[in-house]
């Protein structure tokens, strides 16, 4: 998929602060005059939002493979109906979770085949890869505590055993080490302001680089 805009994703274990930092970045980008679309996975599109409700409902019992297939269905709808058109318009798309989450949760967390997930991620996303991914890292126990403090309840994934969340975190860190040029790992233990400043610096550098590259082509 070719695109004119910039695709930014936020990743990380539950409670790592993705939404907080995504909103702060969006505010900064809008003040700088950039057209911005904020979205999320699973969801971001009418059909995908219905799939999200199925996936996150605490009472639903879903097999790992069925769970994975639902994520891919939601992503295909999301990319084709929302993300792709926004990028074609030249927007900066800020998305909470994308393909790396599938690798971390369903691959490392559920133990499903990583090579298979990688191939199908490409198909579901029509080849779309984020330009930059902000990976907020936090210890699962601390992250889940923050979730409870913020919401007072847990969704189907947040209810999983601590061991599952530990696998997810290790998966995220492994993915980050594999793609250091795209994925920028930031500790979620710092202050909100410190994290915000680091993210804005990384994104400004990426925007400046892409702007220079566009002028050369």
C-alpha atoms as a PDB file:
ATOM      1  CA  UNK A   1       0.000   0.000   0.000  1.00  0.00           C
ATOM      2  CA  UNK A   2       1.395   3.398  -1.029  1.00  0.00           C
ATOM      3  CA  UNK A   3       0.661   6.371   1.200  1.00  0.00           C
ATOM      4  CA  UNK A   4       1.169  10.132   1.434  1.00  0.00           C
ATOM      5  CA  UNK A   5       0.670  10.535   5.182  1.00  0.00           C
ATOM      6  CA  UNK A   6       2.546   9.287   8.236  1.00  0.00           C
ATOM      7  CA  UNK A   7       1.452   6.209  10.181  1.00  0.00           C
ATOM      8  CA  UNK A   8       2.293   6.240  13.905  1.00  0.00           C
ATOM      9  CA  UNK A   9       1.367   3.390  16.234  1.00  0.00           C
ATOM     10  CA  UNK A  10       1.434   3.098  20.012  1.00  0.00           C
ATOM     11  CA  UNK A  11       2.109  -0.312  21.534  1.00  0.00           C
ATOM     12  CA  UNK A  12       2.725  -1.739  24.958  1.00  0.00           C
ATOM     13  CA  UNK A  13       1.336  -3.938  27.727  1.00  0.00           C
ATOM     14  CA  UNK A  14      -1.961  -3.108  29.385  1.00  0.00           C
ATOM     15  CA  UNK A  15      -1.690  -0.020  31.571  1.00  0.00           C
ATOM     16  CA  UNK A  16       1.424   1.339  29.878  1.00  0.00           C
ATOM     17  CA  UNK A  17      -0.155   4.718  29.065  1.00  0.00           C
ATOM     18  CA  UNK A  18      -0.814   4.396  25.324  1.00  0.00           C
ATOM     19  CA  UNK A  19      -4.021   6.426  25.246  1.00  0.00           C
ATOM     20  CA  UNK A  20      -2.637   9.213  27.419  1.00  0.00           C
ATOM     21  CA  UNK A  21       0.454   9.619  25.265  1.00  0.00           C
ATOM     22  CA  UNK A  22      -1.433   9.244  21.982  1.00  0.00           C
ATOM     23  CA  UNK A  23      -3.772  12.086  22.968  1.00  0.00           C
ATOM     24  CA  UNK A  24      -0.881  14.318  24.029  1.00  0.00           C
ATOM     25  CA  UNK A  25       0.922  13.711  20.731  1.00  0.00           C
ATOM     26  CA  UNK A  26      -2.239  14.365  18.727  1.00  0.00           C
ATOM     27  CA  UNK A  27      -2.757  17.667  20.516  1.00  0.00           C
ATOM     28  CA  UNK A  28       0.820  18.690  19.746  1.00  0.00           C
ATOM     29  CA  UNK A  29       0.560  17.691  16.082  1.00  0.00           C
ATOM     30  CA  UNK A  30      -2.708  19.585  15.618  1.00  0.00           C
ATOM     31  CA  UNK A  31      -1.205  22.719  17.175  1.00  0.00           C
ATOM     32  CA  UNK A  32       1.624  22.404  14.632  1.00  0.00           C
ATOM     33  CA  UNK A  33      -0.926  22.342  11.824  1.00  0.00           C
ATOM     34  CA  UNK A  34      -0.908  18.666  10.866  1.00  0.00           C
ATOM     35  CA  UNK A  35      -4.139  16.913   9.868  1.00  0.00           C
ATOM     36  CA  UNK A  36      -4.450  14.034  12.347  1.00  0.00           C
ATOM     37  CA  UNK A  37      -6.624  10.934  12.624  1.00  0.00           C
ATOM     38  CA  UNK A  38      -6.790   9.154  15.989  1.00  0.00           C
ATOM     39  CA  UNK A  39      -7.901   5.528  15.906  1.00  0.00           C
ATOM     40  CA  UNK A  40      -7.453   2.219  17.710  1.00  0.00           C
ATOM     41  CA  UNK A  41      -7.338  -1.550  17.380  1.00  0.00           C
ATOM     42  CA  UNK A  42      -9.338  -3.585  17.559  1.00  0.00           C
ATOM     43  CA  UNK A  43     -11.896  -1.100  16.292  1.00  0.00           C
ATOM     44  CA  UNK A  44     -11.747   2.243  14.558  1.00  0.00           C
ATOM     45  CA  UNK A  45     -14.405   1.272  11.986  1.00  0.00           C
ATOM     46  CA  UNK A  46     -18.062   0.240  12.489  1.00  0.00           C
ATOM     47  CA  UNK A  47     -17.646  -3.489  11.785  1.00  0.00           C
ATOM     48  CA  UNK A  48     -14.295  -3.568  13.590  1.00  0.00           C
ATOM     49  CA  UNK A  49     -15.860  -1.925  16.652  1.00  0.00           C
ATOM     50  CA  UNK A  50     -18.434  -4.722  16.826  1.00  0.00           C
ATOM     51  CA  UNK A  51     -15.587  -7.247  16.681  1.00  0.00           C
ATOM     52  CA  UNK A  52     -13.840  -5.296  19.450  1.00  0.00           C
ATOM     53  CA  UNK A  53     -16.898  -5.702  21.674  1.00  0.00           C
ATOM     54  CA  UNK A  54     -16.779  -9.469  21.138  1.00  0.00           C
ATOM     55  CA  UNK A  55     -13.057  -9.712  21.799  1.00  0.00           C
ATOM     56  CA  UNK A  56     -12.972  -7.629  24.976  1.00  0.00           C
ATOM     57  CA  UNK A  57     -16.205  -8.686  26.671  1.00  0.00           C
ATOM     58  CA  UNK A  58     -15.111 -10.344  29.954  1.00  0.00           C
ATOM     59  CA  UNK A  59     -17.702 -13.138  29.769  1.00  0.00           C
ATOM     60  CA  UNK A  60     -16.841 -14.334  26.224  1.00  0.00           C
ATOM     61  CA  UNK A  61     -14.894 -17.588  25.923  1.00  0.00           C
ATOM     62  CA  UNK A  62     -12.960 -17.467  22.648  1.00  0.00           C
ATOM     63  CA  UNK A  63     -10.383 -19.986  21.441  1.00  0.00           C
ATOM     64  CA  UNK A  64      -6.918 -18.597  20.625  1.00  0.00           C
ATOM     65  CA  UNK A  65      -7.288 -19.267  16.885  1.00  0.00           C
ATOM     66  CA  UNK A  66     -10.780 -17.745  16.739  1.00  0.00           C
ATOM     67  CA  UNK A  67      -9.433 -14.741  18.639  1.00  0.00           C
ATOM     68  CA  UNK A  68      -6.623 -14.321  16.132  1.00  0.00           C
ATOM     69  CA  UNK A  69      -8.958 -14.577  13.132  1.00  0.00           C
ATOM     70  CA  UNK A  70     -11.246 -11.940  14.629  1.00  0.00           C
ATOM     71  CA  UNK A  71      -8.323  -9.553  15.037  1.00  0.00           C
ATOM     72  CA  UNK A  72      -7.355 -10.007  11.396  1.00  0.00           C
ATOM     73  CA  UNK A  73     -10.923  -9.445  10.231  1.00  0.00           C
ATOM     74  CA  UNK A  74     -11.112  -6.235  12.263  1.00  0.00           C
ATOM     75  CA  UNK A  75      -7.740  -5.050  10.916  1.00  0.00           C
ATOM     76  CA  UNK A  76      -8.715  -5.607   7.303  1.00  0.00           C
ATOM     77  CA  UNK A  77     -11.876  -3.529   7.783  1.00  0.00           C
ATOM     78  CA  UNK A  78      -9.916  -0.865   9.649  1.00  0.00           C
ATOM     79  CA  UNK A  79      -7.123  -0.506   7.103  1.00  0.00           C
ATOM     80  CA  UNK A  80      -9.338  -0.538   4.032  1.00  0.00           C
ATOM     81  CA  UNK A  81     -12.067   1.668   5.449  1.00  0.00           C
ATOM     82  CA  UNK A  82     -10.248   4.152   7.693  1.00  0.00           C
ATOM     83  CA  UNK A  83      -6.456   4.090   7.901  1.00  0.00           C
ATOM     84  CA  UNK A  84      -5.662   3.698   4.200  1.00  0.00           C
ATOM     85  CA  UNK A  85      -7.954   6.510   3.012  1.00  0.00           C
ATOM     86  CA  UNK A  86      -6.615   8.857   5.724  1.00  0.00           C
ATOM     87  CA  UNK A  87      -3.012   8.194   4.715  1.00  0.00           C
ATOM     88  CA  UNK A  88      -3.929   8.720   1.067  1.00  0.00           C
ATOM     89  CA  UNK A  89      -5.255  12.157   2.041  1.00  0.00           C
ATOM     90  CA  UNK A  90      -1.911  12.979   3.623  1.00  0.00           C
ATOM     91  CA  UNK A  91      -3.022  12.751   7.254  1.00  0.00           C
ATOM     92  CA  UNK A  92      -0.916  11.706  10.212  1.00  0.00           C
ATOM     93  CA  UNK A  93      -2.630   8.586  11.547  1.00  0.00           C
ATOM     94  CA  UNK A  94      -2.086   7.832  15.245  1.00  0.00           C
ATOM     95  CA  UNK A  95      -3.286   4.325  16.075  1.00  0.00           C
ATOM     96  CA  UNK A  96      -3.346   2.608  19.453  1.00  0.00           C
ATOM     97  CA  UNK A  97      -2.157  -0.951  18.716  1.00  0.00           C
ATOM     98  CA  UNK A  98      -1.652  -2.604  15.346  1.00  0.00           C
ATOM     99  CA  UNK A  99       0.157  -5.683  14.028  1.00  0.00           C
ATOM    100  CA  UNK A 100       2.803  -5.750  16.753  1.00  0.00           C
ATOM    101  CA  UNK A 101       0.041  -6.276  19.316  1.00  0.00           C
ATOM    102  CA  UNK A 102      -1.092  -9.392  17.455  1.00  0.00           C
ATOM    103  CA  UNK A 103       2.439 -10.763  17.539  1.00  0.00           C
ATOM    104  CA  UNK A 104       2.791  -9.966  21.252  1.00  0.00           C
ATOM    105  CA  UNK A 105      -0.606 -11.129  22.511  1.00  0.00           C
ATOM    106  CA  UNK A 106      -1.587 -13.958  20.190  1.00  0.00           C
ATOM    107  CA  UNK A 107       1.951 -15.013  19.248  1.00  0.00           C
ATOM    108  CA  UNK A 108       4.023 -14.704  22.407  1.00  0.00           C
ATOM    109  CA  UNK A 109       1.090 -14.615  24.834  1.00  0.00           C
ATOM    110  CA  UNK A 110      -1.092 -17.384  23.379  1.00  0.00           C
ATOM    111  CA  UNK A 111       1.784 -19.359  21.878  1.00  0.00           C
ATOM    112  CA  UNK A 112       0.496 -19.357  18.286  1.00  0.00           C
ATOM    113  CA  UNK A 113       2.914 -19.685  15.362  1.00  0.00           C
ATOM    114  CA  UNK A 114       4.846 -16.426  14.913  1.00  0.00           C
ATOM    115  CA  UNK A 115       5.757 -16.933  11.263  1.00  0.00           C
ATOM    116  CA  UNK A 116       2.124 -17.623  10.397  1.00  0.00           C
ATOM    117  CA  UNK A 117       0.978 -14.527  12.290  1.00  0.00           C
ATOM    118  CA  UNK A 118       3.561 -12.359  10.528  1.00  0.00           C
ATOM    119  CA  UNK A 119       2.400 -13.488   7.071  1.00  0.00           C
ATOM    120  CA  UNK A 120      -1.275 -13.028   7.851  1.00  0.00           C
ATOM    121  CA  UNK A 121      -0.633  -9.651   9.478  1.00  0.00           C
ATOM    122  CA  UNK A 122       0.736  -8.516   6.132  1.00  0.00           C
ATOM    123  CA  UNK A 123      -2.345  -9.793   4.319  1.00  0.00           C
ATOM    124  CA  UNK A 124      -4.839  -8.292   6.775  1.00  0.00           C
ATOM    125  CA  UNK A 125      -3.077  -4.915   6.677  1.00  0.00           C
ATOM    126  CA  UNK A 126      -2.687  -4.948   2.868  1.00  0.00           C
ATOM    127  CA  UNK A 127       1.077  -4.641   3.365  1.00  0.00           C
ATOM    128  CA  UNK A 128       0.780  -1.499   5.505  1.00  0.00           C
ATOM    129  CA  UNK A 129       3.572  -1.081   8.088  1.00  0.00           C
ATOM    130  CA  UNK A 130       3.807   1.784  10.615  1.00  0.00           C
ATOM    131  CA  UNK A 131       6.394   4.470   9.872  1.00  0.00           C
ATOM    132  CA  UNK A 132       7.226   4.696  13.567  1.00  0.00           C
ATOM    133  CA  UNK A 133       6.030   2.687  16.548  1.00  0.00           C
ATOM    134  CA  UNK A 134       6.215   3.947  20.122  1.00  0.00           C
ATOM    135  CA  UNK A 135       6.514   0.959  22.450  1.00  0.00           C
ATOM    136  CA  UNK A 136       5.751   1.932  26.038  1.00  0.00           C
ATOM    137  CA  UNK A 137       7.238  -0.649  28.378  1.00  0.00           C
ATOM    138  CA  UNK A 138       5.917  -1.335  31.856  1.00  0.00           C
ATOM    139  CA  UNK A 139       6.024  -4.279  34.269  1.00  0.00           C
ATOM    140  CA  UNK A 140       2.707  -6.187  34.025  1.00  0.00           C
ATOM    141  CA  UNK A 141       1.904  -6.052  37.729  1.00  0.00           C
ATOM    142  CA  UNK A 142       2.261  -2.262  37.769  1.00  0.00           C
ATOM    143  CA  UNK A 143       0.380  -1.847  34.496  1.00  0.00           C
ATOM    144  CA  UNK A 144      -2.584  -3.927  35.633  1.00  0.00           C
ATOM    145  CA  UNK A 145      -2.722  -1.997  38.889  1.00  0.00           C
ATOM    146  CA  UNK A 146      -2.964   1.236  36.883  1.00  0.00           C
ATOM    147  CA  UNK A 147      -5.784  -0.278  34.808  1.00  0.00           C
ATOM    148  CA  UNK A 148      -7.803  -1.030  37.936  1.00  0.00           C
ATOM    149  CA  UNK A 149      -7.143   2.411  39.379  1.00  0.00           C
ATOM    150  CA  UNK A 150      -8.293   4.063  36.145  1.00  0.00           C
ATOM    151  CA  UNK A 151     -11.272   1.888  35.191  1.00  0.00           C
ATOM    152  CA  UNK A 152     -12.221  -0.108  38.268  1.00  0.00           C
ATOM    153  CA  UNK A 153     -12.697  -3.197  36.111  1.00  0.00           C
ATOM    154  CA  UNK A 154     -10.837  -5.358  33.587  1.00  0.00           C
ATOM    155  CA  UNK A 155     -11.637  -6.529  30.057  1.00  0.00           C
ATOM    156  CA  UNK A 156     -11.132 -10.122  28.855  1.00  0.00           C
ATOM    157  CA  UNK A 157      -7.398  -9.677  28.279  1.00  0.00           C
ATOM    158  CA  UNK A 158      -6.748  -7.687  31.417  1.00  0.00           C
ATOM    159  CA  UNK A 159      -8.325 -10.551  33.396  1.00  0.00           C
ATOM    160  CA  UNK A 160      -5.655 -12.991  32.181  1.00  0.00           C
ATOM    161  CA  UNK A 161      -3.147 -14.415  34.662  1.00  0.00           C
ATOM    162  CA  UNK A 162       0.015 -12.447  35.376  1.00  0.00           C
ATOM    163  CA  UNK A 163       2.071 -15.111  33.566  1.00  0.00           C
ATOM    164  CA  UNK A 164       0.230 -14.312  30.321  1.00  0.00           C
ATOM    165  CA  UNK A 165       0.983 -10.602  30.629  1.00  0.00           C
ATOM    166  CA  UNK A 166       4.623 -11.365  31.372  1.00  0.00           C
ATOM    167  CA  UNK A 167       4.825 -13.345  28.123  1.00  0.00           C
ATOM    168  CA  UNK A 168       3.240 -10.443  26.269  1.00  0.00           C
ATOM    169  CA  UNK A 169       5.775  -7.998  27.674  1.00  0.00           C
ATOM    170  CA  UNK A 170       8.696 -10.263  26.763  1.00  0.00           C
ATOM    171  CA  UNK A 171       7.198 -10.569  23.298  1.00  0.00           C
ATOM    172  CA  UNK A 172       6.970  -6.837  22.863  1.00  0.00           C
ATOM    173  CA  UNK A 173      10.584  -6.361  23.925  1.00  0.00           C
ATOM    174  CA  UNK A 174      11.713  -9.105  21.528  1.00  0.00           C
ATOM    175  CA  UNK A 175       9.812  -7.467  18.668  1.00  0.00           C
ATOM    176  CA  UNK A 176      11.374  -4.115  19.554  1.00  0.00           C
ATOM    177  CA  UNK A 177      14.872  -5.562  19.438  1.00  0.00           C
ATOM    178  CA  UNK A 178      14.161  -7.064  16.013  1.00  0.00           C
ATOM    179  CA  UNK A 179      13.115  -3.739  14.458  1.00  0.00           C
ATOM    180  CA  UNK A 180      14.976  -0.941  16.274  1.00  0.00           C
ATOM    181  CA  UNK A 181      14.732   1.513  13.374  1.00  0.00           C
ATOM    182  CA  UNK A 182      10.932   1.475  13.441  1.00  0.00           C
ATOM    183  CA  UNK A 183      10.139   0.582  17.044  1.00  0.00           C
ATOM    184  CA  UNK A 184      11.268   2.970  19.763  1.00  0.00           C
ATOM    185  CA  UNK A 185      11.109   1.509  23.270  1.00  0.00           C
ATOM    186  CA  UNK A 186      10.334   4.027  26.020  1.00  0.00           C
ATOM    187  CA  UNK A 187      10.026   3.233  29.712  1.00  0.00           C
ATOM    188  CA  UNK A 188       6.508   3.732  31.007  1.00  0.00           C
ATOM    189  CA  UNK A 189       7.893   4.312  34.500  1.00  0.00           C
ATOM    190  CA  UNK A 190       8.893   7.926  33.793  1.00  0.00           C
ATOM    191  CA  UNK A 191       6.630  10.919  34.346  1.00  0.00           C
ATOM    192  CA  UNK A 192       3.920  11.610  31.771  1.00  0.00           C
ATOM    193  CA  UNK A 193       5.716  14.834  30.778  1.00  0.00           C
ATOM    194  CA  UNK A 194       9.091  13.133  30.327  1.00  0.00           C
ATOM    195  CA  UNK A 195       7.576  10.404  28.163  1.00  0.00           C
ATOM    196  CA  UNK A 196       5.645  12.994  26.141  1.00  0.00           C
ATOM    197  CA  UNK A 197       8.815  14.965  25.426  1.00  0.00           C
ATOM    198  CA  UNK A 198      10.681  11.862  24.260  1.00  0.00           C
ATOM    199  CA  UNK A 199       7.850  10.860  21.951  1.00  0.00           C
ATOM    200  CA  UNK A 200       7.470  14.328  20.457  1.00  0.00           C
ATOM    201  CA  UNK A 201      11.207  14.474  19.748  1.00  0.00           C
ATOM    202  CA  UNK A 202      11.119  11.116  17.945  1.00  0.00           C
ATOM    203  CA  UNK A 203       8.082  12.098  15.886  1.00  0.00           C
ATOM    204  CA  UNK A 204       9.507  15.505  14.963  1.00  0.00           C
ATOM    205  CA  UNK A 205      12.660  13.816  13.697  1.00  0.00           C
ATOM    206  CA  UNK A 206      10.594  11.394  11.631  1.00  0.00           C
ATOM    207  CA  UNK A 207       8.464  14.170  10.153  1.00  0.00           C
ATOM    208  CA  UNK A 208      11.562  16.222   9.304  1.00  0.00           C
ATOM    209  CA  UNK A 209      13.237  13.207   7.676  1.00  0.00           C
ATOM    210  CA  UNK A 210      10.189  12.388   5.570  1.00  0.00           C
ATOM    211  CA  UNK A 211       9.823  16.022   4.517  1.00  0.00           C
ATOM    212  CA  UNK A 212      13.434  16.153   3.275  1.00  0.00           C
ATOM    213  CA  UNK A 213      13.013  12.831   1.486  1.00  0.00           C
ATOM    214  CA  UNK A 214       9.873  14.057  -0.274  1.00  0.00           C
ATOM    215  CA  UNK A 215      11.677  17.158  -1.516  1.00  0.00           C
ATOM    216  CA  UNK A 216      14.420  15.002  -3.021  1.00  0.00           C
ATOM    217  CA  UNK A 217      12.007  12.756  -4.962  1.00  0.00           C
END
